[in-house]
Amino acid sequence: MESLGFTHNVSDLNIGNSESAYKKLPTMIAKVKEQLSLAESIEAVEVKEVARKVLSTHFIRDVAGNLKAFSSQKFRCKKCSYKFRRPPLSGICQRCGGELSLTVYRGSIEKYLEVAMDLVKRYDLGIFYEQRLHLFHNEIESLFQEEKVDKEQHMLSDFL
């Protein structure tokens, strides 16, 4: 055991960096860009595989999880923070009369969708991922589309 080599003398093996460079980056997008930049500079690393793993283990799971959370979300009173599983018919808080708001927003669902699509195109990750992200995009659009209200009066005979 004594013949093990080392490069640096240290007083304690437990002393190390308390904060990694990864943690210092402010956003997930910045972290992914740095990770892929590093992967591109290392010849022994398949950048396409790194991009595929980031996409499948992080971005796709995040979008799918947030879509699921949106469909089963609660409603929160802005005034007293009481949460409702279903909003009251009156549309206001039954406890204090405050305004209700969603707990999951569109932005949190689609925050990584554009970056994920960019990864698929830049690293040519295949039709499967492209179609999966396209399905997510379509589902998000269908959830948040504005319904058109036809204000013109029609007769029943107009449809026959």
C-alpha atoms as a PDB file:
ATOM      1  CA  MET A   1       0.000   0.000   0.000  1.00  0.00           C
ATOM      2  CA  GLU A   2       2.919   2.325   0.590  1.00  0.00           C
ATOM      3  CA  SER A   3       3.980   2.233  -3.057  1.00  0.00           C
ATOM      4  CA  LEU A   4       0.955   4.206  -4.303  1.00  0.00           C
ATOM      5  CA  GLY A   5       2.068   7.360  -6.082  1.00  0.00           C
ATOM      6  CA  PHE A   6       0.525  10.775  -5.745  1.00  0.00           C
ATOM      7  CA  THR A   7       0.900  14.158  -7.368  1.00  0.00           C
ATOM      8  CA  HIS A   8       0.232  16.612  -4.540  1.00  0.00           C
ATOM      9  CA  ASN A   9       1.025  16.580  -0.839  1.00  0.00           C
ATOM     10  CA  VAL A  10      -2.053  17.240   1.260  1.00  0.00           C
ATOM     11  CA  SER A  11      -2.539  17.520   4.994  1.00  0.00           C
ATOM     12  CA  ASP A  12      -6.010  15.910   4.903  1.00  0.00           C
ATOM     13  CA  LEU A  13      -7.608  13.806   2.154  1.00  0.00           C
ATOM     14  CA  ASN A  14     -11.055  15.113   3.097  1.00  0.00           C
ATOM     15  CA  ILE A  15     -10.156  18.688   2.208  1.00  0.00           C
ATOM     16  CA  GLY A  16     -11.256  19.541  -1.316  1.00  0.00           C
ATOM     17  CA  ASN A  17     -13.252  22.011  -3.305  1.00  0.00           C
ATOM     18  CA  SER A  18     -16.315  23.074  -1.369  1.00  0.00           C
ATOM     19  CA  GLU A  19     -18.039  24.251  -4.546  1.00  0.00           C
ATOM     20  CA  SER A  20     -17.639  22.780  -8.014  1.00  0.00           C
ATOM     21  CA  ALA A  21     -17.387  24.838 -11.206  1.00  0.00           C
ATOM     22  CA  TYR A  22     -20.690  23.241 -12.255  1.00  0.00           C
ATOM     23  CA  LYS A  23     -22.452  24.746  -9.242  1.00  0.00           C
ATOM     24  CA  LYS A  24     -21.056  28.218 -10.002  1.00  0.00           C
ATOM     25  CA  LEU A  25     -22.843  28.397 -13.368  1.00  0.00           C
ATOM     26  CA  PRO A  26     -26.134  30.296 -12.968  1.00  0.00           C
ATOM     27  CA  THR A  27     -28.572  28.378 -15.185  1.00  0.00           C
ATOM     28  CA  MET A  28     -29.133  24.845 -16.429  1.00  0.00           C
ATOM     29  CA  ILE A  29     -28.712  26.053 -20.011  1.00  0.00           C
ATOM     30  CA  ALA A  30     -25.274  27.488 -19.170  1.00  0.00           C
ATOM     31  CA  LYS A  31     -24.349  24.206 -17.479  1.00  0.00           C
ATOM     32  CA  VAL A  32     -25.363  22.167 -20.526  1.00  0.00           C
ATOM     33  CA  LYS A  33     -23.463  24.476 -22.892  1.00  0.00           C
ATOM     34  CA  GLU A  34     -20.319  24.147 -20.788  1.00  0.00           C
ATOM     35  CA  GLN A  35     -20.739  20.373 -20.498  1.00  0.00           C
ATOM     36  CA  LEU A  36     -21.085  19.994 -24.276  1.00  0.00           C
ATOM     37  CA  SER A  37     -18.226  22.418 -24.914  1.00  0.00           C
ATOM     38  CA  LEU A  38     -15.991  20.315 -22.677  1.00  0.00           C
ATOM     39  CA  ALA A  39     -17.176  17.111 -24.376  1.00  0.00           C
ATOM     40  CA  GLU A  40     -16.341  18.598 -27.789  1.00  0.00           C
ATOM     41  CA  SER A  41     -12.790  19.394 -26.693  1.00  0.00           C
ATOM     42  CA  ILE A  42     -12.082  15.858 -25.404  1.00  0.00           C
ATOM     43  CA  GLU A  43     -11.359  13.418 -28.216  1.00  0.00           C
ATOM     44  CA  ALA A  44     -12.247  10.347 -26.138  1.00  0.00           C
ATOM     45  CA  VAL A  45     -15.809  11.580 -25.600  1.00  0.00           C
ATOM     46  CA  GLU A  46     -18.698  11.050 -28.026  1.00  0.00           C
ATOM     47  CA  VAL A  47     -20.437  14.432 -27.941  1.00  0.00           C
ATOM     48  CA  LYS A  48     -23.541  13.009 -29.577  1.00  0.00           C
ATOM     49  CA  GLU A  49     -23.890  10.475 -26.752  1.00  0.00           C
ATOM     50  CA  VAL A  50     -23.436  13.172 -24.087  1.00  0.00           C
ATOM     51  CA  ALA A  51     -26.155  15.270 -25.769  1.00  0.00           C
ATOM     52  CA  ARG A  52     -28.451  12.227 -26.010  1.00  0.00           C
ATOM     53  CA  LYS A  53     -28.002  11.445 -22.308  1.00  0.00           C
ATOM     54  CA  VAL A  54     -28.639  15.045 -21.243  1.00  0.00           C
ATOM     55  CA  LEU A  55     -31.742  15.094 -23.417  1.00  0.00           C
ATOM     56  CA  SER A  56     -33.175  11.776 -22.260  1.00  0.00           C
ATOM     57  CA  THR A  57     -32.248  11.949 -18.562  1.00  0.00           C
ATOM     58  CA  HIS A  58     -32.961  15.611 -17.945  1.00  0.00           C
ATOM     59  CA  PHE A  59     -34.841  17.680 -20.513  1.00  0.00           C
ATOM     60  CA  ILE A  60     -37.441  15.141 -21.670  1.00  0.00           C
ATOM     61  CA  ARG A  61     -38.141  14.011 -18.104  1.00  0.00           C
ATOM     62  CA  ASP A  62     -38.470  17.612 -16.950  1.00  0.00           C
ATOM     63  CA  VAL A  63     -40.950  18.578 -19.693  1.00  0.00           C
ATOM     64  CA  ALA A  64     -43.001  15.396 -19.216  1.00  0.00           C
ATOM     65  CA  GLY A  65     -43.037  15.799 -15.433  1.00  0.00           C
ATOM     66  CA  ASN A  66     -44.108  19.430 -15.642  1.00  0.00           C
ATOM     67  CA  LEU A  67     -46.888  18.549 -18.101  1.00  0.00           C
ATOM     68  CA  LYS A  68     -48.142  15.937 -15.661  1.00  0.00           C
ATOM     69  CA  ALA A  69     -47.896  18.399 -12.771  1.00  0.00           C
ATOM     70  CA  PHE A  70     -49.871  20.984 -14.757  1.00  0.00           C
ATOM     71  CA  SER A  71     -52.738  18.566 -15.354  1.00  0.00           C
ATOM     72  CA  SER A  72     -53.021  17.737 -11.643  1.00  0.00           C
ATOM     73  CA  GLN A  73     -52.063  21.088 -10.154  1.00  0.00           C
ATOM     74  CA  LYS A  74     -53.655  22.920  -7.270  1.00  0.00           C
ATOM     75  CA  PHE A  75     -54.844  26.495  -7.099  1.00  0.00           C
ATOM     76  CA  ARG A  76     -53.414  28.890  -4.525  1.00  0.00           C
ATOM     77  CA  CYS A  77     -54.935  31.997  -2.968  1.00  0.00           C
ATOM     78  CA  LYS A  78     -52.657  34.987  -3.531  1.00  0.00           C
ATOM     79  CA  LYS A  79     -53.795  36.568  -0.272  1.00  0.00           C
ATOM     80  CA  CYS A  80     -53.790  33.771   2.345  1.00  0.00           C
ATOM     81  CA  SER A  81     -51.884  31.048   0.399  1.00  0.00           C
ATOM     82  CA  TYR A  82     -54.603  28.451   1.012  1.00  0.00           C
ATOM     83  CA  LYS A  83     -54.498  25.719  -1.634  1.00  0.00           C
ATOM     84  CA  PHE A  84     -57.489  24.245  -3.437  1.00  0.00           C
ATOM     85  CA  ARG A  85     -57.463  20.978  -5.345  1.00  0.00           C
ATOM     86  CA  ARG A  86     -60.193  22.383  -7.584  1.00  0.00           C
ATOM     87  CA  PRO A  87     -61.018  26.072  -7.881  1.00  0.00           C
ATOM     88  CA  PRO A  88     -64.318  27.137  -6.311  1.00  0.00           C
ATOM     89  CA  LEU A  89     -67.091  27.996  -8.785  1.00  0.00           C
ATOM     90  CA  SER A  90     -66.982  31.595  -7.595  1.00  0.00           C
ATOM     91  CA  GLY A  91     -63.350  31.845  -8.757  1.00  0.00           C
ATOM     92  CA  ILE A  92     -62.236  33.458  -5.501  1.00  0.00           C
ATOM     93  CA  CYS A  93     -60.883  32.106  -2.203  1.00  0.00           C
ATOM     94  CA  GLN A  94     -63.629  30.838   0.087  1.00  0.00           C
ATOM     95  CA  ARG A  95     -61.599  31.739   3.183  1.00  0.00           C
ATOM     96  CA  CYS A  96     -60.557  35.335   2.527  1.00  0.00           C
ATOM     97  CA  GLY A  97     -62.024  36.335  -0.851  1.00  0.00           C
ATOM     98  CA  GLY A  98     -58.576  36.625  -2.434  1.00  0.00           C
ATOM     99  CA  GLU A  99     -57.672  35.983  -6.059  1.00  0.00           C
ATOM    100  CA  LEU A 100     -56.638  32.445  -7.060  1.00  0.00           C
ATOM    101  CA  SER A 101     -53.607  31.580  -9.150  1.00  0.00           C
ATOM    102  CA  LEU A 102     -52.125  28.454 -10.696  1.00  0.00           C
ATOM    103  CA  THR A 103     -49.245  26.650  -9.015  1.00  0.00           C
ATOM    104  CA  VAL A 104     -47.693  25.441 -12.318  1.00  0.00           C
ATOM    105  CA  TYR A 105     -47.222  27.872 -15.209  1.00  0.00           C
ATOM    106  CA  ARG A 106     -46.611  27.513 -18.936  1.00  0.00           C
ATOM    107  CA  GLY A 107     -43.066  28.846 -18.629  1.00  0.00           C
ATOM    108  CA  SER A 108     -42.050  26.092 -16.237  1.00  0.00           C
ATOM    109  CA  ILE A 109     -43.375  23.462 -18.644  1.00  0.00           C
ATOM    110  CA  GLU A 110     -41.594  24.697 -21.746  1.00  0.00           C
ATOM    111  CA  LYS A 111     -38.420  26.184 -20.238  1.00  0.00           C
ATOM    112  CA  TYR A 112     -36.162  23.469 -21.694  1.00  0.00           C
ATOM    113  CA  LEU A 113     -38.152  22.631 -24.820  1.00  0.00           C
ATOM    114  CA  GLU A 114     -36.318  25.038 -27.139  1.00  0.00           C
ATOM    115  CA  VAL A 115     -32.889  24.007 -25.822  1.00  0.00           C
ATOM    116  CA  ALA A 116     -33.830  20.342 -26.248  1.00  0.00           C
ATOM    117  CA  MET A 117     -34.918  20.933 -29.848  1.00  0.00           C
ATOM    118  CA  ASP A 118     -31.643  22.748 -30.490  1.00  0.00           C
ATOM    119  CA  LEU A 119     -29.670  19.761 -29.136  1.00  0.00           C
ATOM    120  CA  VAL A 120     -31.579  17.354 -31.384  1.00  0.00           C
ATOM    121  CA  LYS A 121     -30.847  19.451 -34.472  1.00  0.00           C
ATOM    122  CA  ARG A 122     -27.256  20.402 -33.645  1.00  0.00           C
ATOM    123  CA  TYR A 123     -26.128  16.869 -32.798  1.00  0.00           C
ATOM    124  CA  ASP A 124     -28.475  15.009 -35.170  1.00  0.00           C
ATOM    125  CA  LEU A 125     -29.959  12.827 -32.432  1.00  0.00           C
ATOM    126  CA  GLY A 126     -32.532  11.213 -34.653  1.00  0.00           C
ATOM    127  CA  ILE A 127     -36.174  11.307 -35.569  1.00  0.00           C
ATOM    128  CA  PHE A 128     -37.369   9.692 -32.316  1.00  0.00           C
ATOM    129  CA  TYR A 129     -36.277  12.629 -30.148  1.00  0.00           C
ATOM    130  CA  GLU A 130     -37.389  15.159 -32.740  1.00  0.00           C
ATOM    131  CA  GLN A 131     -40.888  13.658 -32.885  1.00  0.00           C
ATOM    132  CA  ARG A 132     -41.121  13.304 -29.116  1.00  0.00           C
ATOM    133  CA  LEU A 133     -40.291  16.963 -28.605  1.00  0.00           C
ATOM    134  CA  HIS A 134     -42.709  17.913 -31.378  1.00  0.00           C
ATOM    135  CA  LEU A 135     -45.457  15.989 -29.548  1.00  0.00           C
ATOM    136  CA  PHE A 136     -44.636  17.855 -26.338  1.00  0.00           C
ATOM    137  CA  HIS A 137     -44.799  21.148 -28.233  1.00  0.00           C
ATOM    138  CA  ASN A 138     -48.190  20.245 -29.737  1.00  0.00           C
ATOM    139  CA  GLU A 139     -49.544  19.206 -26.334  1.00  0.00           C
ATOM    140  CA  ILE A 140     -48.394  22.471 -24.754  1.00  0.00           C
ATOM    141  CA  GLU A 141     -49.944  24.483 -27.582  1.00  0.00           C
ATOM    142  CA  SER A 142     -53.243  22.607 -27.248  1.00  0.00           C
ATOM    143  CA  LEU A 143     -53.306  23.254 -23.489  1.00  0.00           C
ATOM    144  CA  PHE A 144     -52.762  26.978 -23.814  1.00  0.00           C
ATOM    145  CA  GLN A 145     -54.468  27.889 -27.073  1.00  0.00           C
ATOM    146  CA  GLU A 146     -56.937  30.735 -26.949  1.00  0.00           C
ATOM    147  CA  GLU A 147     -60.416  29.637 -27.845  1.00  0.00           C
ATOM    148  CA  LYS A 148     -61.960  31.646 -30.640  1.00  0.00           C
ATOM    149  CA  VAL A 149     -65.370  32.980 -29.826  1.00  0.00           C
ATOM    150  CA  ASP A 150     -67.656  33.346 -32.809  1.00  0.00           C
ATOM    151  CA  LYS A 151     -69.661  36.486 -32.050  1.00  0.00           C
ATOM    152  CA  GLU A 152     -71.696  36.325 -35.218  1.00  0.00           C
ATOM    153  CA  GLN A 153     -75.213  34.948 -34.836  1.00  0.00           C
ATOM    154  CA  HIS A 154     -75.881  31.905 -37.042  1.00  0.00           C
ATOM    155  CA  MET A 155     -79.081  30.218 -38.056  1.00  0.00           C
ATOM    156  CA  LEU A 156     -79.448  26.465 -37.831  1.00  0.00           C
ATOM    157  CA  SER A 157     -80.040  26.389 -41.603  1.00  0.00           C
ATOM    158  CA  ASP A 158     -76.485  27.791 -42.110  1.00  0.00           C
ATOM    159  CA  PHE A 159     -75.094  24.413 -41.099  1.00  0.00           C
ATOM    160  CA  LEU A 160     -77.422  22.263 -43.166  1.00  0.00           C
END
